C-alpha atoms as a PDB file:
ATOM      1  CA  MET A   1     -12.894 -35.116  18.245  1.00  0.00           C
ATOM      2  CA  LYS A   2     -16.076 -37.100  17.541  1.00  0.00           C
ATOM      3  CA  SER A   3     -17.910 -35.419  20.396  1.00  0.00           C
ATOM      4  CA  MET A   4     -16.690 -31.994  19.221  1.00  0.00           C
ATOM      5  CA  LYS A   5     -17.886 -32.719  15.679  1.00  0.00           C
ATOM      6  CA  GLY A   6     -21.268 -33.699  17.064  1.00  0.00           C
ATOM      7  CA  PHE A   7     -21.430 -30.476  19.043  1.00  0.00           C
ATOM      8  CA  LEU A   8     -20.523 -28.406  15.991  1.00  0.00           C
ATOM      9  CA  ALA A   9     -23.111 -30.199  13.895  1.00  0.00           C
ATOM     10  CA  ALA A  10     -25.756 -29.430  16.523  1.00  0.00           C
ATOM     11  CA  VAL A  11     -24.753 -25.766  16.581  1.00  0.00           C
ATOM     12  CA  ALA A  12     -24.885 -25.587  12.794  1.00  0.00           C
ATOM     13  CA  LEU A  13     -28.358 -27.175  12.769  1.00  0.00           C
ATOM     14  CA  THR A  14     -29.609 -24.749  15.413  1.00  0.00           C
ATOM     15  CA  LEU A  15     -28.262 -21.730  13.554  1.00  0.00           C
ATOM     16  CA  ALA A  16     -29.773 -22.943  10.303  1.00  0.00           C
ATOM     17  CA  SER A  17     -33.151 -23.356  12.020  1.00  0.00           C
ATOM     18  CA  LEU A  18     -32.958 -19.859  13.455  1.00  0.00           C
ATOM     19  CA  LEU A  19     -32.218 -18.398  10.046  1.00  0.00           C
ATOM     20  CA  VAL A  20     -35.235 -20.157   8.540  1.00  0.00           C
ATOM     21  CA  PHE A  21     -37.460 -19.029  11.424  1.00  0.00           C
ATOM     22  CA  THR A  22     -36.458 -15.390  11.144  1.00  0.00           C
ATOM     23  CA  GLY A  23     -36.898 -15.264   7.421  1.00  0.00           C
ATOM     24  CA  ALA A  24     -33.179 -14.883   6.647  1.00  0.00           C
ATOM     25  CA  PRO A  25     -31.961 -15.845   3.157  1.00  0.00           C
ATOM     26  CA  GLN A  26     -31.953 -19.579   2.504  1.00  0.00           C
ATOM     27  CA  ALA A  27     -28.893 -21.466   1.226  1.00  0.00           C
ATOM     28  CA  GLU A  28     -30.888 -22.311  -1.910  1.00  0.00           C
ATOM     29  CA  GLU A  29     -31.136 -18.639  -2.860  1.00  0.00           C
ATOM     30  CA  ALA A  30     -28.483 -17.369  -5.263  1.00  0.00           C
ATOM     31  CA  GLY A  31     -25.441 -16.072  -3.449  1.00  0.00           C
ATOM     32  CA  ALA A  32     -26.596 -17.086   0.054  1.00  0.00           C
ATOM     33  CA  PRO A  33     -24.148 -19.082   2.207  1.00  0.00           C
ATOM     34  CA  GLU A  34     -24.648 -22.813   1.703  1.00  0.00           C
ATOM     35  CA  LYS A  35     -23.379 -23.425   5.243  1.00  0.00           C
ATOM     36  CA  VAL A  36     -24.046 -20.893   7.994  1.00  0.00           C
ATOM     37  CA  THR A  37     -21.351 -21.988  10.451  1.00  0.00           C
ATOM     38  CA  VAL A  38     -17.611 -21.620   9.845  1.00  0.00           C
ATOM     39  CA  VAL A  39     -15.156 -23.232  12.263  1.00  0.00           C
ATOM     40  CA  TYR A  40     -12.064 -21.035  12.533  1.00  0.00           C
ATOM     41  CA  GLY A  41      -8.678 -21.923  14.014  1.00  0.00           C
ATOM     42  CA  GLY A  42      -6.946 -19.080  15.831  1.00  0.00           C
ATOM     43  CA  SER A  43      -5.070 -17.907  18.915  1.00  0.00           C
ATOM     44  CA  SER A  44      -4.310 -14.643  20.694  1.00  0.00           C
ATOM     45  CA  TRP A  45      -1.677 -13.805  18.048  1.00  0.00           C
ATOM     46  CA  LEU A  46      -2.332 -10.580  16.134  1.00  0.00           C
ATOM     47  CA  GLY A  47      -2.924 -12.409  12.846  1.00  0.00           C
ATOM     48  CA  HIS A  48      -6.263 -13.600  14.243  1.00  0.00           C
ATOM     49  CA  TYR A  49      -7.497 -10.168  15.297  1.00  0.00           C
ATOM     50  CA  PRO A  50      -9.738  -9.651  12.226  1.00  0.00           C
ATOM     51  CA  VAL A  51     -11.776 -12.788  12.918  1.00  0.00           C
ATOM     52  CA  TRP A  52     -12.190 -11.945  16.601  1.00  0.00           C
ATOM     53  CA  VAL A  53     -13.284  -8.408  15.727  1.00  0.00           C
ATOM     54  CA  GLY A  54     -15.604  -9.770  13.030  1.00  0.00           C
ATOM     55  CA  ILE A  55     -17.278 -12.036  15.573  1.00  0.00           C
ATOM     56  CA  GLU A  56     -17.483  -9.535  18.422  1.00  0.00           C
ATOM     57  CA  LYS A  57     -18.741  -6.700  16.217  1.00  0.00           C
ATOM     58  CA  GLY A  58     -21.338  -8.807  14.418  1.00  0.00           C
ATOM     59  CA  ILE A  59     -19.694  -8.332  11.015  1.00  0.00           C
ATOM     60  CA  PHE A  60     -19.891 -12.008  10.038  1.00  0.00           C
ATOM     61  CA  ARG A  61     -23.452 -12.194  11.312  1.00  0.00           C
ATOM     62  CA  ASN A  62     -24.352  -9.405   8.892  1.00  0.00           C
ATOM     63  CA  HIS A  63     -23.216 -11.718   6.103  1.00  0.00           C
ATOM     64  CA  GLY A  64     -25.344 -14.628   7.350  1.00  0.00           C
ATOM     65  CA  LEU A  65     -22.530 -16.480   9.107  1.00  0.00           C
ATOM     66  CA  GLY A  66     -21.824 -17.780  12.572  1.00  0.00           C
ATOM     67  CA  VAL A  67     -18.081 -18.194  13.169  1.00  0.00           C
ATOM     68  CA  LEU A  68     -16.785 -20.501  15.917  1.00  0.00           C
ATOM     69  CA  PHE A  69     -13.324 -19.461  17.158  1.00  0.00           C
ATOM     70  CA  GLN A  70     -11.119 -22.336  18.334  1.00  0.00           C
ATOM     71  CA  ASN A  71      -7.811 -21.595  20.076  1.00  0.00           C
ATOM     72  CA  PHE A  72      -4.526 -23.333  19.223  1.00  0.00           C
ATOM     73  CA  TYR A  73      -1.092 -22.684  20.718  1.00  0.00           C
ATOM     74  CA  ALA A  74       0.892 -23.316  17.526  1.00  0.00           C
ATOM     75  CA  SER A  75       0.392 -23.040  13.768  1.00  0.00           C
ATOM     76  CA  SER A  76       1.428 -26.680  13.317  1.00  0.00           C
ATOM     77  CA  GLY A  77      -1.480 -27.941  15.436  1.00  0.00           C
ATOM     78  CA  ARG A  78      -3.881 -25.565  13.714  1.00  0.00           C
ATOM     79  CA  MET A  79      -2.823 -26.740  10.254  1.00  0.00           C
ATOM     80  CA  GLY A  80      -3.042 -30.385  11.306  1.00  0.00           C
ATOM     81  CA  SER A  81      -6.626 -29.866  12.446  1.00  0.00           C
ATOM     82  CA  LEU A  82      -7.474 -28.002   9.238  1.00  0.00           C
ATOM     83  CA  VAL A  83      -6.330 -30.748   6.885  1.00  0.00           C
ATOM     84  CA  ALA A  84      -7.923 -33.369   9.167  1.00  0.00           C
ATOM     85  CA  GLY A  85     -11.293 -31.686   8.599  1.00  0.00           C
ATOM     86  CA  ASP A  86     -11.844 -30.286  12.093  1.00  0.00           C
ATOM     87  CA  LEU A  87     -11.455 -26.662  10.942  1.00  0.00           C
ATOM     88  CA  ASP A  88     -12.766 -24.853   7.874  1.00  0.00           C
ATOM     89  CA  ILE A  89     -10.648 -21.692   7.741  1.00  0.00           C
ATOM     90  CA  ALA A  90      -7.636 -20.513   9.715  1.00  0.00           C
ATOM     91  CA  SER A  91      -4.720 -18.132   9.761  1.00  0.00           C
ATOM     92  CA  THR A  92      -1.234 -19.556  10.060  1.00  0.00           C
ATOM     93  CA  GLY A  93       2.390 -18.632   9.981  1.00  0.00           C
ATOM     94  CA  SER A  94       3.551 -19.338   6.450  1.00  0.00           C
ATOM     95  CA  ILE A  95       6.344 -21.689   7.538  1.00  0.00           C
ATOM     96  CA  SER A  96       3.859 -24.295   8.775  1.00  0.00           C
ATOM     97  CA  ALA A  97       1.925 -23.950   5.524  1.00  0.00           C
ATOM     98  CA  ILE A  98       5.065 -24.305   3.390  1.00  0.00           C
ATOM     99  CA  ALA A  99       6.113 -27.373   5.382  1.00  0.00           C
ATOM    100  CA  LEU A 100       2.746 -28.999   4.643  1.00  0.00           C
ATOM    101  CA  MET A 101       3.024 -28.038   0.974  1.00  0.00           C
ATOM    102  CA  ALA A 102       6.475 -29.629   0.876  1.00  0.00           C
ATOM    103  CA  SER A 103       5.032 -32.843   2.322  1.00  0.00           C
ATOM    104  CA  GLY A 104       2.620 -32.977  -0.630  1.00  0.00           C
ATOM    105  CA  SER A 105      -0.538 -32.122   1.295  1.00  0.00           C
ATOM    106  CA  LYS A 106      -3.257 -30.844  -1.040  1.00  0.00           C
ATOM    107  CA  GLY A 107      -5.887 -30.531   1.671  1.00  0.00           C
ATOM    108  CA  PHE A 108      -5.705 -26.753   1.972  1.00  0.00           C
ATOM    109  CA  MET A 109      -5.233 -23.548  -0.028  1.00  0.00           C
ATOM    110  CA  THR A 110      -4.208 -19.981   0.813  1.00  0.00           C
ATOM    111  CA  PHE A 111      -6.143 -16.898  -0.249  1.00  0.00           C
ATOM    112  CA  ALA A 112      -4.728 -13.825   1.497  1.00  0.00           C
ATOM    113  CA  THR A 113      -2.028 -12.246   3.629  1.00  0.00           C
ATOM    114  CA  GLN A 114      -3.593  -9.931   6.169  1.00  0.00           C
ATOM    115  CA  ASP A 115      -0.804  -8.114   7.973  1.00  0.00           C
ATOM    116  CA  SER A 116       2.821  -7.126   8.272  1.00  0.00           C
ATOM    117  CA  TYR A 117       4.339  -7.247  11.748  1.00  0.00           C
ATOM    118  CA  ALA A 118       7.984  -6.653  10.880  1.00  0.00           C
ATOM    119  CA  THR A 119       8.631  -4.386  13.858  1.00  0.00           C
ATOM    120  CA  VAL A 120       7.086  -6.569  16.586  1.00  0.00           C
ATOM    121  CA  GLU A 121       9.272  -9.634  16.071  1.00  0.00           C
ATOM    122  CA  GLY A 122      13.016  -9.673  16.398  1.00  0.00           C
ATOM    123  CA  LEU A 123      16.257 -10.683  18.073  1.00  0.00           C
ATOM    124  CA  ILE A 124      16.763  -9.246  21.559  1.00  0.00           C
ATOM    125  CA  ALA A 125      20.110  -9.341  23.347  1.00  0.00           C
ATOM    126  CA  ARG A 126      21.880  -8.266  26.504  1.00  0.00           C
ATOM    127  CA  GLU A 127      23.450  -4.820  26.437  1.00  0.00           C
ATOM    128  CA  ASN A 128      27.005  -6.222  26.099  1.00  0.00           C
ATOM    129  CA  ILE A 129      26.016  -7.713  22.703  1.00  0.00           C
ATOM    130  CA  GLN A 130      25.993  -4.843  20.208  1.00  0.00           C
ATOM    131  CA  SER A 131      26.069  -6.716  16.886  1.00  0.00           C
ATOM    132  CA  ILE A 132      25.213 -10.073  15.343  1.00  0.00           C
ATOM    133  CA  ALA A 133      28.951 -10.832  15.255  1.00  0.00           C
ATOM    134  CA  ASP A 134      28.999 -10.482  19.054  1.00  0.00           C
ATOM    135  CA  LEU A 135      26.765 -13.574  19.306  1.00  0.00           C
ATOM    136  CA  LYS A 136      29.773 -15.795  18.657  1.00  0.00           C
ATOM    137  CA  GLY A 137      30.221 -18.133  21.606  1.00  0.00           C
ATOM    138  CA  LYS A 138      26.894 -17.076  23.154  1.00  0.00           C
ATOM    139  CA  LYS A 139      23.629 -18.909  23.891  1.00  0.00           C
ATOM    140  CA  VAL A 140      20.768 -17.829  21.625  1.00  0.00           C
ATOM    141  CA  ALA A 141      17.172 -19.072  21.922  1.00  0.00           C
ATOM    142  CA  ALA A 142      14.390 -19.340  19.347  1.00  0.00           C
ATOM    143  CA  PRO A 143      11.306 -21.552  18.944  1.00  0.00           C
ATOM    144  CA  PHE A 144      12.521 -24.029  16.323  1.00  0.00           C
ATOM    145  CA  ALA A 145      10.624 -24.251  13.007  1.00  0.00           C
ATOM    146  CA  SER A 146       9.152 -20.789  13.550  1.00  0.00           C
ATOM    147  CA  SER A 147       9.516 -17.378  11.914  1.00  0.00           C
ATOM    148  CA  ALA A 148      11.794 -16.295  14.776  1.00  0.00           C
ATOM    149  CA  HIS A 149      14.030 -19.317  14.141  1.00  0.00           C
ATOM    150  CA  VAL A 150      14.230 -18.489  10.432  1.00  0.00           C
ATOM    151  CA  LEU A 151      15.131 -14.885  11.286  1.00  0.00           C
ATOM    152  CA  VAL A 152      18.028 -16.050  13.469  1.00  0.00           C
ATOM    153  CA  LEU A 153      19.330 -18.428  10.780  1.00  0.00           C
ATOM    154  CA  ASP A 154      19.196 -15.658   8.196  1.00  0.00           C
ATOM    155  CA  LEU A 155      20.912 -13.066  10.392  1.00  0.00           C
ATOM    156  CA  LEU A 156      23.685 -15.517  11.251  1.00  0.00           C
ATOM    157  CA  GLU A 157      24.183 -16.356   7.578  1.00  0.00           C
ATOM    158  CA  GLN A 158      24.316 -12.665   6.626  1.00  0.00           C
ATOM    159  CA  ASN A 159      27.097 -12.211   9.185  1.00  0.00           C
ATOM    160  CA  GLY A 160      29.097 -15.338   8.391  1.00  0.00           C
ATOM    161  CA  LEU A 161      28.232 -17.275  11.561  1.00  0.00           C
ATOM    162  CA  ASP A 162      27.547 -21.014  11.640  1.00  0.00           C
ATOM    163  CA  PRO A 163      24.679 -21.889  14.034  1.00  0.00           C
ATOM    164  CA  ASP A 164      26.188 -25.344  14.629  1.00  0.00           C
ATOM    165  CA  LYS A 165      29.743 -24.220  15.334  1.00  0.00           C
ATOM    166  CA  ASP A 166      29.930 -20.566  16.325  1.00  0.00           C
ATOM    167  CA  LEU A 167      27.259 -20.417  19.031  1.00  0.00           C
ATOM    168  CA  THR A 168      24.717 -22.488  20.942  1.00  0.00           C
ATOM    169  CA  LEU A 169      21.242 -22.282  19.440  1.00  0.00           C
ATOM    170  CA  LEU A 170      18.549 -23.439  21.874  1.00  0.00           C
ATOM    171  CA  ASN A 171      14.915 -24.396  21.214  1.00  0.00           C
ATOM    172  CA  LEU A 172      12.765 -22.365  23.628  1.00  0.00           C
ATOM    173  CA  LYS A 173       9.132 -21.259  23.686  1.00  0.00           C
ATOM    174  CA  VAL A 174       8.617 -17.494  23.591  1.00  0.00           C
ATOM    175  CA  ASN A 175       6.742 -17.482  26.907  1.00  0.00           C
ATOM    176  CA  GLU A 176       9.812 -19.066  28.565  1.00  0.00           C
ATOM    177  CA  MET A 177      12.247 -16.463  27.267  1.00  0.00           C
ATOM    178  CA  PRO A 178      11.752 -13.609  29.771  1.00  0.00           C
ATOM    179  CA  ALA A 179      12.658 -15.907  32.687  1.00  0.00           C
ATOM    180  CA  ALA A 180      15.595 -17.400  30.777  1.00  0.00           C
ATOM    181  CA  MET A 181      16.968 -13.942  29.998  1.00  0.00           C
ATOM    182  CA  ALA A 182      16.461 -12.768  33.582  1.00  0.00           C
ATOM    183  CA  SER A 183      18.290 -15.793  35.011  1.00  0.00           C
ATOM    184  CA  GLY A 184      21.208 -15.530  32.599  1.00  0.00           C
ATOM    185  CA  GLU A 185      20.435 -18.903  31.024  1.00  0.00           C
ATOM    186  CA  ILE A 186      20.566 -17.315  27.564  1.00  0.00           C
ATOM    187  CA  ASP A 187      22.304 -14.257  26.103  1.00  0.00           C
ATOM    188  CA  ALA A 188      19.843 -13.437  23.318  1.00  0.00           C
ATOM    189  CA  CYS A 189      16.522 -14.642  21.991  1.00  0.00           C
ATOM    190  CA  ALA A 190      14.176 -14.217  19.036  1.00  0.00           C
ATOM    191  CA  ALA A 191      10.524 -13.637  19.898  1.00  0.00           C
ATOM    192  CA  TRP A 192       7.290 -12.074  18.716  1.00  0.00           C
ATOM    193  CA  THR A 193       4.744  -9.838  20.413  1.00  0.00           C
ATOM    194  CA  PRO A 194       3.546  -9.704  23.175  1.00  0.00           C
ATOM    195  CA  HIS A 195       6.630 -11.447  24.631  1.00  0.00           C
ATOM    196  CA  PHE A 196       8.788  -9.372  22.286  1.00  0.00           C
ATOM    197  CA  ASN A 197       7.528  -6.224  24.033  1.00  0.00           C
ATOM    198  CA  LYS A 198       7.986  -7.741  27.493  1.00  0.00           C
ATOM    199  CA  LEU A 199      11.593  -8.687  26.719  1.00  0.00           C
ATOM    200  CA  LEU A 200      12.390  -5.208  25.416  1.00  0.00           C
ATOM    201  CA  ASN A 201      10.971  -3.670  28.586  1.00  0.00           C
ATOM    202  CA  MET A 202      13.320  -5.726  30.777  1.00  0.00           C
ATOM    203  CA  GLU A 203      16.306  -3.816  32.125  1.00  0.00           C
ATOM    204  CA  GLY A 204      19.551  -4.558  30.283  1.00  0.00           C
ATOM    205  CA  ASN A 205      17.906  -5.842  27.095  1.00  0.00           C
ATOM    206  CA  HIS A 206      17.887  -4.151  23.702  1.00  0.00           C
ATOM    207  CA  LEU A 207      16.821  -4.851  20.124  1.00  0.00           C
ATOM    208  CA  LEU A 208      19.567  -6.282  17.962  1.00  0.00           C
ATOM    209  CA  ALA A 209      17.452  -6.671  14.771  1.00  0.00           C
ATOM    210  CA  ASP A 210      13.805  -6.989  13.785  1.00  0.00           C
ATOM    211  CA  ASP A 211      12.172  -8.584  10.745  1.00  0.00           C
ATOM    212  CA  THR A 212      13.082  -5.647   8.500  1.00  0.00           C
ATOM    213  CA  ALA A 213      16.654  -7.039   8.585  1.00  0.00           C
ATOM    214  CA  PHE A 214      15.495 -10.318   7.007  1.00  0.00           C
ATOM    215  CA  SER A 215      17.113 -10.861   3.599  1.00  0.00           C
ATOM    216  CA  LEU A 216      13.780 -11.216   1.743  1.00  0.00           C
ATOM    217  CA  TYR A 217      12.219  -8.134   3.336  1.00  0.00           C
ATOM    218  CA  LYS A 218      14.040  -5.584   1.205  1.00  0.00           C
ATOM    219  CA  GLN A 219      12.947  -7.158  -2.092  1.00  0.00           C
ATOM    220  CA  PHE A 220       9.523  -8.593  -1.277  1.00  0.00           C
ATOM    221  CA  SER A 221       8.508  -6.806   1.958  1.00  0.00           C
ATOM    222  CA  LEU A 222       8.357 -10.349   3.297  1.00  0.00           C
ATOM    223  CA  GLY A 223       9.245 -11.235   6.869  1.00  0.00           C
ATOM    224  CA  PRO A 224      10.616 -14.648   7.865  1.00  0.00           C
ATOM    225  CA  GLY A 225       7.180 -16.126   8.482  1.00  0.00           C
ATOM    226  CA  PRO A 226       4.352 -13.862   7.307  1.00  0.00           C
ATOM    227  CA  ASP A 227       0.750 -14.581   8.255  1.00  0.00           C
ATOM    228  CA  ILE A 228      -1.511 -16.077   5.624  1.00  0.00           C
ATOM    229  CA  MET A 229      -5.158 -17.084   5.504  1.00  0.00           C
ATOM    230  CA  VAL A 230      -5.877 -20.718   4.623  1.00  0.00           C
ATOM    231  CA  VAL A 231      -8.988 -22.709   3.804  1.00  0.00           C
ATOM    232  CA  ARG A 232      -9.656 -26.430   3.707  1.00  0.00           C
ATOM    233  CA  ARG A 233      -9.808 -27.323   0.019  1.00  0.00           C
ATOM    234  CA  GLU A 234     -12.888 -29.532   0.344  1.00  0.00           C
ATOM    235  CA  PHE A 235     -14.722 -26.782   2.246  1.00  0.00           C
ATOM    236  CA  ALA A 236     -13.903 -24.171  -0.409  1.00  0.00           C
ATOM    237  CA  GLU A 237     -15.094 -26.443  -3.214  1.00  0.00           C
ATOM    238  CA  LYS A 238     -18.296 -27.488  -1.456  1.00  0.00           C
ATOM    239  CA  TYR A 239     -19.339 -24.094  -0.025  1.00  0.00           C
ATOM    240  CA  PRO A 240     -18.172 -21.306  -2.379  1.00  0.00           C
ATOM    241  CA  ASN A 241     -20.857 -18.820  -1.271  1.00  0.00           C
ATOM    242  CA  THR A 242     -19.990 -19.383   2.382  1.00  0.00           C
ATOM    243  CA  CYS A 243     -16.352 -18.691   1.586  1.00  0.00           C
ATOM    244  CA  LYS A 244     -17.225 -15.504  -0.302  1.00  0.00           C
ATOM    245  CA  ALA A 245     -19.332 -14.284   2.616  1.00  0.00           C
ATOM    246  CA  PHE A 246     -16.484 -15.024   5.025  1.00  0.00           C
ATOM    247  CA  VAL A 247     -13.948 -13.143   2.895  1.00  0.00           C
ATOM    248  CA  LYS A 248     -16.257 -10.105   2.670  1.00  0.00           C
ATOM    249  CA  GLY A 249     -16.793 -10.044   6.420  1.00  0.00           C
ATOM    250  CA  TYR A 250     -13.130 -10.693   7.109  1.00  0.00           C
ATOM    251  CA  PHE A 251     -11.862  -7.715   5.141  1.00  0.00           C
ATOM    252  CA  GLU A 252     -14.557  -5.478   6.582  1.00  0.00           C
ATOM    253  CA  ALA A 253     -13.035  -6.371   9.956  1.00  0.00           C
ATOM    254  CA  VAL A 254      -9.546  -5.618   8.598  1.00  0.00           C
ATOM    255  CA  GLU A 255     -10.796  -2.198   7.529  1.00  0.00           C
ATOM    256  CA  MET A 256     -12.239  -1.604  10.974  1.00  0.00           C
ATOM    257  CA  LEU A 257      -8.868  -2.454  12.527  1.00  0.00           C
ATOM    258  CA  ARG A 258      -7.247   0.071  10.203  1.00  0.00           C
ATOM    259  CA  THR A 259      -9.689   2.898  10.836  1.00  0.00           C
ATOM    260  CA  GLN A 260     -11.124   2.278  14.331  1.00  0.00           C
ATOM    261  CA  PRO A 261      -8.303   0.725  16.397  1.00  0.00           C
ATOM    262  CA  LYS A 262      -9.605   1.910  19.778  1.00  0.00           C
ATOM    263  CA  GLU A 263     -13.027   0.361  19.240  1.00  0.00           C
ATOM    264  CA  CYS A 264     -11.335  -2.873  18.145  1.00  0.00           C
ATOM    265  CA  ALA A 265      -8.945  -2.856  21.105  1.00  0.00           C
ATOM    266  CA  GLU A 266     -11.907  -2.787  23.481  1.00  0.00           C
ATOM    267  CA  VAL A 267     -12.992  -6.253  22.301  1.00  0.00           C
ATOM    268  CA  LEU A 268      -9.511  -7.632  21.588  1.00  0.00           C
ATOM    269  CA  VAL A 269      -8.435  -7.399  25.234  1.00  0.00           C
ATOM    270  CA  LYS A 270     -10.836 -10.284  25.923  1.00  0.00           C
ATOM    271  CA  LEU A 271      -8.774 -12.422  23.544  1.00  0.00           C
ATOM    272  CA  THR A 272      -5.272 -11.253  24.438  1.00  0.00           C
ATOM    273  CA  ASN A 273      -5.629 -10.385  28.150  1.00  0.00           C
ATOM    274  CA  LEU A 274      -3.515  -7.284  27.491  1.00  0.00           C
ATOM    275  CA  SER A 275      -4.252  -3.929  29.050  1.00  0.00           C
ATOM    276  CA  MET A 276      -5.884  -1.342  26.800  1.00  0.00           C
ATOM    277  CA  GLU A 277      -2.612   0.582  26.739  1.00  0.00           C
ATOM    278  CA  ASP A 278      -0.588  -2.451  25.656  1.00  0.00           C
ATOM    279  CA  GLN A 279      -3.258  -3.521  23.162  1.00  0.00           C
ATOM    280  CA  MET A 280      -3.256  -0.107  21.515  1.00  0.00           C
ATOM    281  CA  SER A 281       0.548  -0.221  21.406  1.00  0.00           C
ATOM    282  CA  VAL A 282       0.484  -3.555  19.564  1.00  0.00           C
ATOM    283  CA  LEU A 283      -2.125  -2.283  17.093  1.00  0.00           C
ATOM    284  CA  LYS A 284       0.048   0.715  16.259  1.00  0.00           C
ATOM    285  CA  ASP A 285       2.843  -1.621  15.142  1.00  0.00           C
ATOM    286  CA  ILE A 286       0.717  -3.629  12.693  1.00  0.00           C
ATOM    287  CA  GLN A 287       0.305  -2.787   9.028  1.00  0.00           C
ATOM    288  CA  TRP A 288      -3.059  -4.220   7.933  1.00  0.00           C
ATOM    289  CA  ILE A 289      -3.335  -5.175   4.274  1.00  0.00           C
ATOM    290  CA  PRO A 290      -6.790  -4.407   2.799  1.00  0.00           C
ATOM    291  CA  GLY A 291      -8.737  -6.659   0.474  1.00  0.00           C
ATOM    292  CA  SER A 292      -8.158  -4.277  -2.434  1.00  0.00           C
ATOM    293  CA  GLU A 293      -4.436  -5.156  -2.413  1.00  0.00           C
ATOM    294  CA  GLN A 294      -4.757  -8.925  -2.123  1.00  0.00           C
ATOM    295  CA  ARG A 295      -5.056  -9.850  -5.812  1.00  0.00           C
ATOM    296  CA  ALA A 296      -1.886  -7.961  -6.712  1.00  0.00           C
ATOM    297  CA  LEU A 297      -0.027  -9.661  -3.856  1.00  0.00           C
ATOM    298  CA  MET A 298      -1.352 -13.175  -4.312  1.00  0.00           C
ATOM    299  CA  VAL A 299      -2.131 -13.531  -8.039  1.00  0.00           C
ATOM    300  CA  ASP A 300      -1.152 -10.793 -10.485  1.00  0.00           C
ATOM    301  CA  PRO A 301       1.715 -10.020 -10.409  1.00  0.00           C
ATOM    302  CA  GLY A 302       1.839 -12.069  -7.200  1.00  0.00           C
ATOM    303  CA  LYS A 303       4.817 -10.464  -5.477  1.00  0.00           C
ATOM    304  CA  PHE A 304       3.901 -12.010  -2.122  1.00  0.00           C
ATOM    305  CA  THR A 305       3.479 -15.482  -3.624  1.00  0.00           C
ATOM    306  CA  GLU A 306       6.879 -15.123  -5.302  1.00  0.00           C
ATOM    307  CA  GLY A 307       8.345 -14.102  -1.940  1.00  0.00           C
ATOM    308  CA  MET A 308       6.808 -17.212  -0.373  1.00  0.00           C
ATOM    309  CA  GLN A 309       8.516 -19.274  -3.058  1.00  0.00           C
ATOM    310  CA  ARG A 310      11.856 -17.717  -2.145  1.00  0.00           C
ATOM    311  CA  LEU A 311      11.134 -18.407   1.507  1.00  0.00           C
ATOM    312  CA  ALA A 312      10.498 -22.066   0.666  1.00  0.00           C
ATOM    313  CA  GLU A 313      13.865 -22.203  -1.098  1.00  0.00           C
ATOM    314  CA  PHE A 314      15.488 -20.587   1.958  1.00  0.00           C
ATOM    315  CA  LEU A 315      13.992 -23.318   4.163  1.00  0.00           C
ATOM    316  CA  VAL A 316      15.464 -25.988   1.897  1.00  0.00           C
ATOM    317  CA  LYS A 317      18.869 -24.347   2.063  1.00  0.00           C
ATOM    318  CA  HIS A 318      18.764 -24.386   5.855  1.00  0.00           C
ATOM    319  CA  LYS A 319      17.488 -27.987   5.968  1.00  0.00           C
ATOM    320  CA  GLN A 320      14.089 -27.094   7.424  1.00  0.00           C
ATOM    321  CA  ILE A 321      12.273 -28.890   4.572  1.00  0.00           C
ATOM    322  CA  ASP A 322      13.513 -31.379   1.960  1.00  0.00           C
ATOM    323  CA  ALA A 323      12.235 -29.712  -1.225  1.00  0.00           C
ATOM    324  CA  ALA A 324      10.598 -26.415  -2.182  1.00  0.00           C
ATOM    325  CA  PRO A 325       6.953 -26.760  -3.305  1.00  0.00           C
ATOM    326  CA  ALA A 326       5.489 -24.686  -6.150  1.00  0.00           C
ATOM    327  CA  VAL A 327       3.655 -22.292  -3.806  1.00  0.00           C
ATOM    328  CA  LYS A 328       1.370 -20.780  -6.461  1.00  0.00           C
ATOM    329  CA  GLU A 329      -0.323 -24.174  -6.864  1.00  0.00           C
ATOM    330  CA  TRP A 330      -1.824 -23.676  -3.383  1.00  0.00           C
ATOM    331  CA  VAL A 331      -3.330 -20.235  -4.068  1.00  0.00           C
ATOM    332  CA  ALA A 332      -7.162 -20.299  -4.090  1.00  0.00           C
ATOM    333  CA  VAL A 333      -7.524 -17.739  -6.876  1.00  0.00           C
ATOM    334  CA  ASP A 334     -11.351 -17.670  -6.709  1.00  0.00           C
ATOM    335  CA  MET A 335     -11.291 -16.703  -3.032  1.00  0.00           C
ATOM    336  CA  VAL A 336      -8.754 -13.878  -3.373  1.00  0.00           C
ATOM    337  CA  PRO A 337     -10.707 -10.603  -3.074  1.00  0.00           C
END
């Protein structure tokens, strides 16, 4: 990590020099970014699309920022790097964030929820399984401590099934599920896109339930592990203008995803390695949440934050965390657009 930090520092210094040389606004000027490089933690998951589009389309550059995109396989690793100081801003599945909140970590805050992907995550089963009740005695896979895992626990509870007694619940990565289903190793699995789409396209598989069946969705429009944007607390306090510039650029990219999906897909395929056809299909299934709606969701009246609180309580009930944190204490109100 020390060598990486040195590299990032060198990049930041170079960018700062270039901005001075070209006559760009200086950090000392009112409203200009105090720091011109933001280190972002992402992956090929759809929740990171706005940052990738913002980089590729020069949107962040228009706000005086250079954004470095670092890939992580899982939200847990991304959040660990954020609180350790190796990342400045990231997007994460809310379960990882809630788990860190529950541990007492005050090293980060959340400031937005950028998307709803309720129809591209779900429980997929063989054709002989027509209901959740039919899962009794079967082998069901989900990546433990993930949104897909929470969905399975909730669906089983809604249908009176005990995951410890009535079926075999296996911990499996989503990229391993297509092969496991094809070989007959498992009877059903919970996954998210793009593996969700691949599983549905396999002969003999069908959708048993997606995130719209989650118990909190009807009341709060909240899936089992919604995406949220997070910032390292120290970074937000030290560089408020940089954070404001990032948020402006970020939601401009969200708007571009909403209004110009084809143009966005053309650059996203470099991140996801999907075909244009598949990339456009994924984009059609995403509901992007604009900046104009964030304050109502996160702060006043804060329906999304309340839903996150209920999700935390759900995780306690299912022994995923020991105690529910007061989620609103982690909302960076000044950064919410």
